[in-house]
Protein backbone atom coordinates (compact mmCIF):
# COMPACT_ATOMS: atom_id res chain seq x y z
CA MET A 1 165.35 150.62 35.22
CA PHE A 2 162.41 151.97 36.54
CA TRP A 3 160.31 150.86 33.85
CA GLU A 4 161.23 147.42 33.89
CA ILE A 5 160.43 147.08 37.67
CA PHE A 6 157.43 148.87 37.02
CA THR A 7 156.07 146.25 34.10
CA PHE A 8 157.37 142.91 36.30
CA GLU A 9 155.36 144.04 39.20
CA LEU A 10 152.47 145.06 37.56
CA ASN A 11 152.30 141.60 35.59
CA TYR A 12 153.02 139.85 38.51
CA ARG A 13 149.87 141.64 40.43
CA ARG A 14 147.77 140.83 37.47
CA VAL A 15 147.82 137.21 37.64
CA ARG A 16 147.69 136.73 41.36
CA PRO A 17 144.07 136.03 42.77
CA VAL A 18 144.72 138.15 45.89
CA THR A 19 144.51 141.41 43.84
CA TYR A 20 141.15 140.64 42.91
CA ILE A 21 139.93 139.38 46.22
CA TYR A 22 141.32 142.66 47.78
CA PHE A 23 139.49 144.57 44.87
CA ALA A 24 135.91 143.01 45.39
CA LEU A 25 136.16 143.34 49.28
CA ILE A 26 136.83 146.85 48.84
CA LEU A 27 134.25 147.25 46.24
CA LEU A 28 131.58 145.41 48.29
CA LEU A 29 132.13 146.88 51.52
CA SER A 30 131.98 150.19 50.16
CA PHE A 31 128.87 149.67 48.19
CA PHE A 32 126.82 148.06 50.83
CA THR A 33 127.95 150.69 53.55
CA VAL A 34 126.50 153.21 50.90
CA THR A 35 123.28 151.78 50.00
CA SER A 36 122.35 149.08 52.64
CA PRO A 37 120.48 150.24 55.81
CA GLY A 38 121.24 147.24 57.46
CA LEU A 39 125.07 147.76 57.33
CA LYS A 40 125.88 151.09 59.17
CA LEU A 41 129.34 151.98 59.85
CA SER A 42 128.66 155.63 60.74
CA GLY A 43 126.66 157.35 63.32
CA SER A 44 123.52 158.48 60.92
CA ILE A 45 121.02 157.99 63.49
CA GLY A 46 117.78 160.32 64.45
CA HIS A 47 118.32 163.76 63.07
CA VAL A 48 121.92 163.33 61.57
CA ASN A 49 121.86 162.68 57.78
CA ALA A 50 123.64 159.85 55.89
CA ASN A 51 125.89 162.59 54.01
CA ALA A 52 126.55 164.79 56.90
CA PRO A 53 130.20 166.03 57.32
CA TYR A 54 130.42 163.79 60.52
CA VAL A 55 129.42 160.60 58.89
CA ILE A 56 131.90 161.32 55.73
CA ALA A 57 134.48 161.74 57.91
CA TYR A 58 134.08 158.97 60.12
CA LEU A 59 133.89 156.67 57.02
CA ILE A 60 136.87 157.61 55.54
CA MET A 61 138.73 156.85 58.99
CA ALA A 62 137.39 153.51 59.04
CA PHE A 63 137.82 153.11 55.62
CA SER A 64 141.47 154.12 56.13
CA LEU A 65 142.57 152.09 59.00
CA PHE A 66 140.94 149.04 57.19
CA PHE A 67 142.45 149.67 54.07
CA THR A 68 145.85 150.44 55.50
CA MET A 69 146.07 146.92 56.16
CA ILE A 70 145.73 145.55 52.70
CA THR A 71 147.91 148.10 51.52
CA SER A 72 150.61 146.82 53.48
CA SER A 73 150.05 143.38 52.69
CA VAL A 74 149.91 144.01 49.09
CA MET A 75 153.18 146.19 49.04
CA GLY A 76 155.04 143.95 51.35
CA VAL A 77 154.92 141.10 49.28
CA ALA A 78 157.67 142.60 46.93
CA VAL A 79 160.07 143.26 49.46
CA VAL A 80 159.61 139.66 51.27
CA ARG A 81 159.97 138.34 47.78
CA ASP A 82 163.31 139.84 47.10
CA PHE A 83 164.68 139.21 50.14
CA GLU A 84 163.66 135.67 50.26
CA ASN A 85 165.18 135.23 46.68
CA ASN A 86 168.36 137.28 47.63
CA THR A 87 167.73 139.87 44.68
CA GLU A 88 167.92 143.14 46.82
CA ALA A 89 171.95 142.99 46.38
CA ILE A 90 171.39 142.88 42.54
CA MET A 91 168.59 145.65 42.47
CA PHE A 92 170.61 147.66 44.90
CA SER A 93 174.05 147.57 42.98
CA THR A 94 172.28 148.83 40.10
CA PRO A 95 171.81 152.17 38.99
CA ILE A 96 168.71 152.88 40.75
CA THR A 97 168.34 154.29 44.30
CA LYS A 98 166.53 152.60 47.23
CA GLY A 99 163.66 155.05 46.91
CA GLN A 100 163.13 154.25 43.01
CA TYR A 101 163.14 150.88 43.68
CA LEU A 102 160.44 151.23 46.38
CA LEU A 103 158.83 153.89 44.30
CA ALA A 104 158.62 151.75 41.30
CA GLY A 105 157.19 149.12 43.34
CA SER A 106 154.62 151.28 44.96
CA GLN A 107 153.55 152.97 41.69
CA ASP A 108 152.36 149.60 39.98
CA ARG A 109 150.41 148.54 43.00
CA TRP A 110 148.50 151.63 42.98
CA SER A 111 147.76 151.46 39.60
CA CYS A 112 146.72 147.71 40.06
CA TRP A 113 143.95 149.18 42.25
CA TYR A 114 142.84 151.87 39.65
CA LEU A 115 142.47 149.17 36.87
């Protein structure tokens, strides 16, 4: 049951344009933050190098806050879609636990980001 849910969600994400929009947004934001001298999200001013531990920690924090919004919008679609179509009762009546169902949905979303 896990594999069926996983492949369905993976195929569903593959044809949606928002997956590629989010991928491009993350790629461009990360690329321009690292390479562009005009776009500074970090505090590399004066004697602070761009690869200082403080700057790296700040970038990780800023990206984590931004990417959390994207992750929640991607992962929430499947749950809302199931409740709108009244399929959550079918999913939860099969021999799969709620944790396995949510894990199968989240695993394909994470694998989409790595493709």
